[in-house]
Amino acid sequence: MKIDTLCVQGGWSPKCGEPRQVPIYSSTTFKYDTTQHMADLFDLKASGYFYTRLANPTNDEVAKKIAALEGGVAAILTSSGQAASTFAILNLCNAGDHVVSSAQIYGGTFNLFSVSMKKLGIDFTFVNPDADAKTIQAAFRPNTKCVFGETVANPSGVVLDIAKFAKIAHKNGVPLIVDNTFPTPVLCRPFRFGADIITHATTKYMDGHSSQVGGCIVDSGNFDWEKHADKFPGLVEPDESYHGLSYTKSFGKLAYITKCTAHLMRDFGSIPSPFNAFLVNLGLESLHVRIRRHAESALKIAKWLKRQPKVAWVNFAGLPDSKYHKLVKKQFSGNSPCGVMTFGIRGGRKASIKFMDSLKLIGIVTHVADAWSCVLHPASHTHRQLTDRQLKEAGIPPDLIRLSVGLEDADDLIADIEQALVAATAE
């Protein structure tokens, strides 16, 4: 099936007389007739459900749809995009391990990696995603376990050259993890360019209506864990907490997601509620229609901003003069990578704040990528915990405004931006 059809009909497939929408299994527990049957579930010898902290039928049907959309073999839902990033790393790394990450990633993820995971004994080296292969290679260590990047960086808008990073990662015997939240699989499918694992904040475009918080991890099934068994003993060697079971030997291409479920979800419990998964599924049904409209309107507004003398700069990879435009043509479906852009106005940080406070239709919210258009000043909001040096490394100048273009009429949004520009730059 093509991706538009998968958005609507992927995952849950009702039989005769069954509900058209995936049922919400709100139960925490599941009944079995014999002690042995439940024992087999606990030993991973049988498939099924026994406690929603590990897995739930509603969640699994939605995860199945997202896996199909990305072209992966399996997926798991998490309680947030942040949880997805956390589990994606912890499923591979222990204390004493090392990760190479793009420096231009979401501020919350940067803090997770540079502060919280450092306290757990996992070290990160951050590299400029535009750096050449030799420079990126220099960041690797013998204990490097994976590489992480964002397809379109939040909020800088930098586009990751997935094939370049995948080639370097694989040369070093480690997988590439890519956060594909902004483009969604409708506009970009990172597995086609060599990525091995994909994460999402389903909170964003997949939901599309600011109605729930969630995340997802998808495995391509392409990385050969046993070939690099010395680096990934948690996947290959016997797990004594499951009576010596080896995930790769028992589950093959499903090893990564199975371990994530049986180990991390068991112990940390960052599972979304089935109702949240249900809401994500509703959003997915219209994702292919919405994301293209977001991208189309964003391109129109970005072109308009480029012509305004009061605007100092515009960063949107869909613009023909963007340094990422050729990469967008290569990796993305269409001429626009998503509905999010950044720009600055003349007058610096003070003028940017005044501009945002003058908007009437576009709201100031700590969110992005949904039906409502919104703005945010990262240096004051999402990235305010970063130092000036870290802000620079993350590609966030002090005047940067992040605009998420919603589903309103583009001309109405332009009119709102225009009047706010006048107010912000008035003497």
Protein backbone atom coordinates (compact mmCIF):
# COMPACT_ATOMS: atom_id res chain seq x y z
CA MET A 1 0.00 0.00 0.00
CA LYS A 2 1.02 3.58 -0.64
CA ILE A 3 1.66 5.83 2.32
CA ASP A 4 -1.63 7.76 2.03
CA THR A 5 -3.56 4.51 2.32
CA LEU A 6 -1.38 3.32 5.21
CA CYS A 7 -2.16 6.53 7.13
CA VAL A 8 -5.85 5.63 6.98
CA GLN A 9 -5.92 1.85 7.03
CA GLY A 10 -2.55 0.71 8.42
CA GLY A 11 -2.38 -1.10 11.76
CA TRP A 12 -5.80 -2.17 13.00
CA SER A 13 -7.68 -4.30 10.45
CA PRO A 14 -11.22 -5.02 11.67
CA LYS A 15 -12.88 -8.31 10.85
CA CYS A 16 -16.57 -8.72 10.10
CA GLY A 17 -18.65 -7.11 12.83
CA GLU A 18 -15.65 -5.58 14.63
CA PRO A 19 -15.32 -1.84 15.39
CA ARG A 20 -14.00 0.35 12.57
CA GLN A 21 -11.74 2.28 14.95
CA VAL A 22 -9.10 0.49 17.01
CA PRO A 23 -10.67 -0.39 20.39
CA ILE A 24 -9.37 1.30 23.54
CA TYR A 25 -8.19 -1.48 25.85
CA SER A 26 -8.23 0.47 29.10
CA SER A 27 -7.61 -2.57 31.28
CA THR A 28 -4.32 -2.79 33.13
CA THR A 29 -4.48 -6.58 33.38
CA PHE A 30 -5.42 -9.58 31.23
CA LYS A 31 -6.88 -12.93 32.37
CA TYR A 32 -5.48 -16.38 31.55
CA ASP A 33 -6.79 -19.86 32.25
CA THR A 34 -3.58 -21.53 33.35
CA THR A 35 -0.56 -20.65 35.44
CA GLN A 36 1.73 -22.01 32.73
CA HIS A 37 0.31 -19.73 30.06
CA MET A 38 1.10 -16.66 32.12
CA ALA A 39 4.50 -18.09 33.03
CA ASP A 40 5.26 -18.42 29.31
CA LEU A 41 4.32 -14.77 28.82
CA PHE A 42 6.69 -13.69 31.58
CA ASP A 43 9.47 -15.80 30.02
CA LEU A 44 8.81 -14.33 26.54
CA LYS A 45 8.03 -17.83 25.25
CA ALA A 46 4.53 -16.76 24.21
CA SER A 47 3.12 -13.57 22.74
CA GLY A 48 0.31 -11.71 24.46
CA TYR A 49 -0.46 -9.26 27.23
CA PHE A 50 -0.42 -9.52 30.97
CA TYR A 51 0.14 -5.96 32.25
CA THR A 52 -0.26 -2.66 30.40
CA ARG A 53 2.96 -1.22 31.84
CA LEU A 54 4.80 -3.42 29.34
CA ALA A 55 2.39 -3.56 26.43
CA ASN A 56 -1.23 -2.99 25.46
CA PRO A 57 -3.25 -4.09 22.38
CA THR A 58 -4.37 -0.53 21.51
CA ASN A 59 -0.83 0.79 21.69
CA ASP A 60 0.52 -2.09 19.62
CA GLU A 61 -1.96 -1.55 16.78
CA VAL A 62 -0.94 2.10 16.52
CA ALA A 63 2.75 1.20 16.76
CA LYS A 64 2.17 -1.29 13.93
CA LYS A 65 0.77 1.52 11.75
CA ILE A 66 3.74 3.81 12.42
CA ALA A 67 6.17 0.96 11.69
CA ALA A 68 4.41 0.41 8.35
CA LEU A 69 4.54 4.14 7.54
CA GLU A 70 8.31 4.22 8.16
CA GLY A 71 8.95 0.89 6.47
CA GLY A 72 10.24 -0.73 9.67
CA VAL A 73 9.80 -4.22 11.09
CA ALA A 74 8.47 -3.22 14.50
CA ALA A 75 7.76 -0.23 16.75
CA ILE A 76 6.93 0.66 20.33
CA LEU A 77 4.97 3.63 21.66
CA THR A 78 6.29 5.65 24.60
CA SER A 79 4.76 8.21 26.90
CA SER A 80 6.55 11.14 25.19
CA GLY A 81 9.04 11.96 22.48
CA GLN A 82 11.61 12.51 25.22
CA ALA A 83 10.96 8.98 26.49
CA ALA A 84 11.47 7.67 22.95
CA SER A 85 14.88 9.38 22.71
CA THR A 86 15.80 8.07 26.18
CA PHE A 87 14.83 4.47 25.47
CA ALA A 88 16.41 4.48 22.01
CA ILE A 89 19.78 5.24 23.64
CA LEU A 90 19.41 3.18 26.83
CA ASN A 91 18.47 0.13 24.77
CA LEU A 92 22.03 0.18 23.42
CA CYS A 93 24.17 1.94 26.02
CA ASN A 94 25.35 1.25 29.54
CA ALA A 95 27.45 3.30 31.95
CA GLY A 96 30.85 3.83 30.37
CA ASP A 97 29.52 3.96 26.80
CA HIS A 98 29.68 6.85 24.34
CA VAL A 99 27.37 8.38 21.71
CA VAL A 100 28.06 10.72 18.78
CA SER A 101 25.21 13.19 18.32
CA SER A 102 24.43 16.09 16.06
CA ALA A 103 24.86 19.33 18.00
CA GLN A 104 21.76 20.79 16.39
CA ILE A 105 18.92 18.98 18.11
CA TYR A 106 15.94 19.90 20.28
CA GLY A 107 17.05 21.70 23.47
CA GLY A 108 15.34 19.19 25.75
CA THR A 109 17.14 16.34 24.01
CA PHE A 110 20.45 18.19 24.23
CA ASN A 111 19.96 18.60 27.98
CA LEU A 112 18.93 14.95 28.31
CA PHE A 113 22.14 13.88 26.61
CA SER A 114 24.59 16.40 28.04
CA VAL A 115 23.31 16.47 31.65
CA SER A 116 20.99 13.63 32.65
CA MET A 117 22.59 10.80 30.69
CA LYS A 118 26.02 12.03 31.65
CA LYS A 119 24.99 11.44 35.27
CA LEU A 120 24.17 7.86 34.26
CA GLY A 121 27.70 7.41 32.94
CA ILE A 122 26.91 7.73 29.23
CA ASP A 123 29.08 10.31 27.48
CA PHE A 124 28.18 12.29 24.36
CA THR A 125 30.24 14.10 21.76
CA PHE A 126 28.31 16.71 19.77
CA VAL A 127 29.29 17.38 16.18
CA ASN A 128 28.26 19.99 13.63
CA PRO A 129 25.89 18.14 11.25
CA ASP A 130 27.35 20.10 8.33
CA ALA A 131 30.90 18.96 9.13
CA ASP A 132 32.78 16.76 6.69
CA ALA A 133 33.13 13.03 7.19
CA LYS A 134 36.69 13.30 8.51
CA THR A 135 35.64 15.71 11.26
CA ILE A 136 32.67 13.57 12.27
CA GLN A 137 34.83 10.44 12.27
CA ALA A 138 37.22 12.09 14.74
CA ALA A 139 34.40 12.15 17.33
CA PHE A 140 34.19 8.34 17.51
CA ARG A 141 35.73 6.31 20.30
CA PRO A 142 36.19 2.57 20.81
CA ASN A 143 33.19 2.63 23.19
CA THR A 144 30.86 4.52 20.81
CA LYS A 145 27.55 2.64 20.56
CA CYS A 146 25.38 4.75 18.25
CA VAL A 147 24.91 8.02 16.35
CA PHE A 148 21.94 10.35 16.84
CA GLY A 149 20.50 13.18 14.74
CA GLU A 150 17.27 14.92 13.71
CA THR A 151 16.01 14.82 10.13
CA VAL A 152 15.08 18.49 10.48
CA ALA A 153 16.62 20.01 13.59
CA ASN A 154 14.34 21.71 16.11
CA PRO A 155 14.46 24.70 16.06
CA SER A 156 17.43 25.54 13.81
CA GLY A 157 15.95 23.90 10.71
CA VAL A 158 19.24 22.23 9.78
CA VAL A 159 18.66 19.22 7.52
CA LEU A 160 20.61 16.07 8.36
CA ASP A 161 22.43 14.35 5.51
CA ILE A 162 21.17 10.92 6.54
CA ALA A 163 23.23 8.96 4.02
CA LYS A 164 26.45 10.69 5.15
CA PHE A 165 25.84 9.97 8.82
CA ALA A 166 24.66 6.41 8.13
CA LYS A 167 27.82 5.63 6.16
CA ILE A 168 30.05 6.91 8.96
CA ALA A 169 28.04 5.11 11.66
CA HIS A 170 28.15 1.80 9.80
CA LYS A 171 31.87 2.18 9.11
CA ASN A 172 32.27 2.20 12.91
CA GLY A 173 29.93 -0.74 13.46
CA VAL A 174 27.12 1.22 15.13
CA PRO A 175 23.52 2.15 14.16
CA LEU A 176 22.20 5.57 13.20
CA ILE A 177 19.20 6.81 15.19
CA VAL A 178 17.18 9.59 13.53
CA ASP A 179 14.40 11.68 15.06
CA ASN A 180 11.93 12.10 12.19
CA THR A 181 9.30 14.14 14.05
CA PHE A 182 9.16 17.21 11.81
CA PRO A 183 8.92 15.66 8.32
CA THR A 184 7.00 12.55 9.41
CA PRO A 185 7.25 9.50 7.12
CA VAL A 186 4.90 11.22 4.67
CA LEU A 187 7.65 13.67 3.66
CA CYS A 188 10.78 11.68 4.54
CA ARG A 189 11.54 7.99 5.21
CA PRO A 190 15.03 7.86 6.75
CA PHE A 191 15.39 4.08 6.41
CA ARG A 192 15.70 4.58 2.64
CA PHE A 193 18.91 6.55 3.21
CA GLY A 194 20.55 4.20 5.69
CA ALA A 195 19.11 5.09 9.10
CA ASP A 196 18.61 2.09 11.38
CA ILE A 197 16.27 3.35 14.11
CA ILE A 198 13.72 6.17 13.99
CA THR A 199 12.15 8.09 16.86
CA HIS A 200 9.11 10.36 16.92
CA ALA A 201 7.35 12.72 19.22
CA THR A 202 3.81 11.69 18.29
CA THR A 203 2.79 14.80 20.23
CA LYS A 204 3.53 16.82 17.09
CA TYR A 205 2.26 16.32 13.52
CA MET A 206 1.17 12.73 14.03
CA ASP A 207 -1.38 13.88 16.59
CA GLY A 208 -1.77 17.30 14.99
CA HIS A 209 -4.27 18.72 17.46
CA SER A 210 -2.40 19.27 20.76
CA SER A 211 -4.52 16.57 22.36
CA GLN A 212 -1.94 14.12 23.78
CA VAL A 213 1.72 13.59 24.60
CA GLY A 214 3.47 10.54 23.16
CA GLY A 215 6.46 9.08 21.37
CA CYS A 216 7.48 6.16 19.21
CA ILE A 217 10.58 4.12 18.34
CA VAL A 218 10.74 2.23 15.03
CA ASP A 219 13.38 -0.34 14.11
CA SER A 220 14.31 -0.99 10.47
CA GLY A 221 15.47 -4.53 11.26
CA ASN A 222 18.51 -3.90 9.05
CA PHE A 223 21.33 -3.54 11.57
CA ASP A 224 23.24 -6.77 12.20
CA TRP A 225 23.63 -6.83 15.99
CA GLU A 226 25.36 -10.21 16.03
CA LYS A 227 28.00 -9.03 13.57
CA HIS A 228 28.95 -6.45 16.20
CA ALA A 229 28.22 -8.60 19.22
CA ASP A 230 31.13 -7.16 21.21
CA LYS A 231 29.46 -3.74 21.13
CA PHE A 232 25.93 -4.89 21.95
CA PRO A 233 26.05 -7.63 24.57
CA GLY A 234 22.62 -6.59 25.90
CA LEU A 235 21.04 -7.70 22.63
CA VAL A 236 23.23 -10.69 21.83
CA GLU A 237 24.39 -12.24 25.09
CA PRO A 238 22.04 -14.10 27.49
CA ASP A 239 19.78 -11.88 29.62
CA GLU A 240 19.82 -13.40 33.09
CA SER A 241 16.63 -11.53 34.02
CA TYR A 242 14.91 -13.74 31.43
CA HIS A 243 16.61 -17.02 32.29
CA GLY A 244 19.46 -16.58 29.85
CA LEU A 245 17.41 -15.62 26.78
CA SER A 246 19.29 -13.98 23.88
CA TYR A 247 17.15 -11.38 22.09
CA THR A 248 18.84 -11.75 18.72
CA LYS A 249 18.73 -15.54 18.76
CA SER A 250 15.12 -15.70 19.98
CA PHE A 251 13.59 -12.82 18.05
CA GLY A 252 15.86 -12.09 15.08
CA LYS A 253 14.98 -8.77 13.44
CA LEU A 254 12.55 -8.03 16.27
CA ALA A 255 15.34 -8.14 18.88
CA TYR A 256 15.73 -4.39 19.41
CA ILE A 257 12.03 -3.61 19.96
CA THR A 258 11.49 -6.77 22.01
CA LYS A 259 14.32 -5.82 24.35
CA CYS A 260 12.97 -2.28 24.60
CA THR A 261 9.59 -3.67 25.63
CA ALA A 262 10.68 -6.53 27.87
CA HIS A 263 13.51 -4.70 29.60
CA LEU A 264 13.13 -0.90 29.52
CA MET A 265 9.33 -0.67 29.51
CA ARG A 266 9.20 -3.35 32.20
CA ASP A 267 11.61 -1.46 34.46
CA PHE A 268 10.83 2.20 33.67
CA GLY A 269 7.18 2.01 32.64
CA SER A 270 7.09 4.99 30.24
CA ILE A 271 4.09 3.67 28.35
CA PRO A 272 1.36 5.95 26.94
CA SER A 273 -2.22 5.46 28.00
CA PRO A 274 -4.29 3.49 25.48
CA PHE A 275 -6.53 6.54 25.09
CA ASN A 276 -3.54 8.64 24.02
CA ALA A 277 -2.62 5.96 21.49
CA PHE A 278 -6.22 6.08 20.21
CA LEU A 279 -5.90 9.86 19.70
CA VAL A 280 -2.63 9.41 17.82
CA ASN A 281 -4.33 6.95 15.50
CA LEU A 282 -7.06 9.48 14.72
CA GLY A 283 -4.37 12.01 13.86
CA LEU A 284 -2.54 9.54 11.64
CA GLU A 285 -5.64 9.05 9.51
CA SER A 286 -5.34 12.62 8.20
CA LEU A 287 -1.55 13.05 8.50
CA HIS A 288 -0.89 12.74 4.76
CA VAL A 289 -3.36 15.53 4.01
CA ARG A 290 -2.31 17.84 6.85
CA ILE A 291 1.48 17.66 6.58
CA ARG A 292 1.42 18.55 2.89
CA ARG A 293 -0.77 21.57 3.61
CA HIS A 294 1.55 22.61 6.47
CA ALA A 295 4.55 22.35 4.15
CA GLU A 296 2.83 24.19 1.27
CA SER A 297 1.73 27.11 3.45
CA ALA A 298 5.13 27.31 5.14
CA LEU A 299 6.87 27.67 1.79
CA LYS A 300 4.47 30.45 0.75
CA ILE A 301 5.04 32.35 4.01
CA ALA A 302 8.83 31.84 3.89
CA LYS A 303 8.97 33.32 0.39
CA TRP A 304 6.91 36.30 1.58
CA LEU A 305 9.18 36.85 4.59
CA LYS A 306 12.26 36.87 2.31
CA ARG A 307 10.85 39.89 0.51
CA GLN A 308 10.23 41.96 3.64
CA PRO A 309 12.82 44.67 4.42
CA LYS A 310 11.99 44.45 8.15
CA VAL A 311 13.04 40.77 8.19
CA ALA A 312 16.77 40.24 8.75
CA TRP A 313 16.96 36.60 7.70
CA VAL A 314 14.83 33.52 6.98
CA ASN A 315 15.86 29.90 7.43
CA PHE A 316 13.67 27.38 5.68
CA ALA A 317 15.11 24.48 3.75
CA GLY A 318 12.26 24.62 1.24
CA LEU A 319 13.48 27.97 -0.13
CA PRO A 320 15.37 27.67 -3.44
CA ASP A 321 18.36 29.61 -2.03
CA SER A 322 18.68 27.43 1.10
CA LYS A 323 21.98 25.56 1.37
CA TYR A 324 19.88 22.48 2.20
CA HIS A 325 17.61 22.76 -0.82
CA LYS A 326 19.41 20.07 -2.84
CA LEU A 327 19.34 17.76 0.19
CA VAL A 328 15.60 18.40 0.57
CA LYS A 329 15.13 17.44 -3.08
CA LYS A 330 17.05 14.20 -2.43
CA GLN A 331 15.58 13.09 0.91
CA PHE A 332 12.06 14.55 0.98
CA SER A 333 8.83 14.05 -0.90
CA GLY A 334 8.02 17.50 -2.30
CA ASN A 335 9.84 20.82 -2.11
CA SER A 336 9.25 21.56 1.55
CA PRO A 337 10.58 19.59 4.56
CA CYS A 338 7.84 20.46 7.08
CA GLY A 339 5.73 23.38 8.32
CA VAL A 340 8.31 24.87 10.69
CA MET A 341 10.75 27.70 9.93
CA THR A 342 12.91 30.21 11.76
CA PHE A 343 13.58 33.87 11.08
CA GLY A 344 14.84 37.04 12.71
CA ILE A 345 13.72 40.63 12.36
CA ARG A 346 15.74 43.82 12.31
CA GLY A 347 16.26 45.12 15.82
CA GLY A 348 17.55 41.90 17.38
CA ARG A 349 16.23 40.08 20.41
CA LYS A 350 14.20 43.01 21.76
CA ALA A 351 12.39 43.51 18.45
CA SER A 352 11.76 39.76 18.13
CA ILE A 353 10.04 39.67 21.51
CA LYS A 354 7.95 42.75 20.63
CA PHE A 355 6.97 41.12 17.34
CA MET A 356 5.74 38.00 19.08
CA ASP A 357 3.80 39.99 21.65
CA SER A 358 2.07 41.88 18.80
CA LEU A 359 0.69 38.83 17.02
CA LYS A 360 -3.08 38.41 17.15
CA LEU A 361 -3.84 35.21 15.22
CA ILE A 362 -0.62 33.29 15.80
CA GLY A 363 -0.22 32.18 19.41
CA ILE A 364 2.81 32.04 21.71
CA VAL A 365 2.88 28.47 23.00
CA THR A 366 5.41 25.85 24.06
CA HIS A 367 4.46 23.61 21.22
CA VAL A 368 4.95 23.14 17.54
CA ALA A 369 3.64 21.20 14.57
CA ASP A 370 -0.11 21.10 14.94
CA ALA A 371 -3.24 22.62 13.38
CA TRP A 372 -2.84 25.97 15.15
CA SER A 373 -0.08 28.33 14.04
CA CYS A 374 2.27 29.30 16.82
CA VAL A 375 5.58 31.01 17.59
CA LEU A 376 8.27 30.59 20.18
CA HIS A 377 11.49 32.38 21.14
CA PRO A 378 13.85 29.48 21.92
CA ALA A 379 16.53 31.57 23.67
CA SER A 380 13.85 32.72 26.15
CA HIS A 381 11.82 29.51 26.30
CA THR A 382 12.79 25.96 25.30
CA HIS A 383 16.55 26.58 25.26
CA ARG A 384 16.87 29.08 28.08
CA GLN A 385 18.90 26.55 30.12
CA LEU A 386 21.71 26.65 27.53
CA THR A 387 24.74 28.91 27.77
CA ASP A 388 25.51 31.44 25.02
CA ARG A 389 28.15 29.05 23.68
CA GLN A 390 25.70 26.15 23.65
CA LEU A 391 23.07 28.31 21.95
CA LYS A 392 25.57 29.10 19.23
CA GLU A 393 26.48 25.42 18.83
CA ALA A 394 22.79 24.59 18.58
CA GLY A 395 22.36 27.16 15.81
CA ILE A 396 20.12 29.46 17.84
CA PRO A 397 20.92 33.18 17.55
CA PRO A 398 19.29 35.45 20.18
CA ASP A 399 16.84 36.93 17.67
CA LEU A 400 15.60 33.55 16.37
CA ILE A 401 11.82 33.15 16.15
CA ARG A 402 10.41 29.69 15.48
CA LEU A 403 7.20 29.78 13.45
CA SER A 404 5.07 26.67 13.14
CA VAL A 405 2.62 27.17 10.29
CA GLY A 406 -0.76 25.65 11.02
CA LEU A 407 -3.77 24.86 8.87
CA GLU A 408 -5.21 28.38 8.77
CA ASP A 409 -5.36 30.26 5.46
CA ALA A 410 -1.81 31.33 4.58
CA ASP A 411 -2.94 34.82 3.58
CA ASP A 412 -4.53 35.37 7.01
CA LEU A 413 -1.28 34.32 8.66
CA ILE A 414 0.73 36.66 6.43
CA ALA A 415 -1.56 39.55 7.36
CA ASP A 416 -1.02 38.85 11.05
CA ILE A 417 2.75 38.66 10.60
CA GLU A 418 2.75 41.89 8.61
CA GLN A 419 0.94 43.92 11.27
CA ALA A 420 3.22 42.49 13.99
CA LEU A 421 6.31 43.45 11.95
CA VAL A 422 5.04 47.02 11.74
CA ALA A 423 4.43 47.13 15.51
CA ALA A 424 7.81 45.57 16.36
CA THR A 425 9.86 47.93 14.21
CA ALA A 426 7.97 51.15 14.89
CA GLU A 427 10.11 53.97 16.28
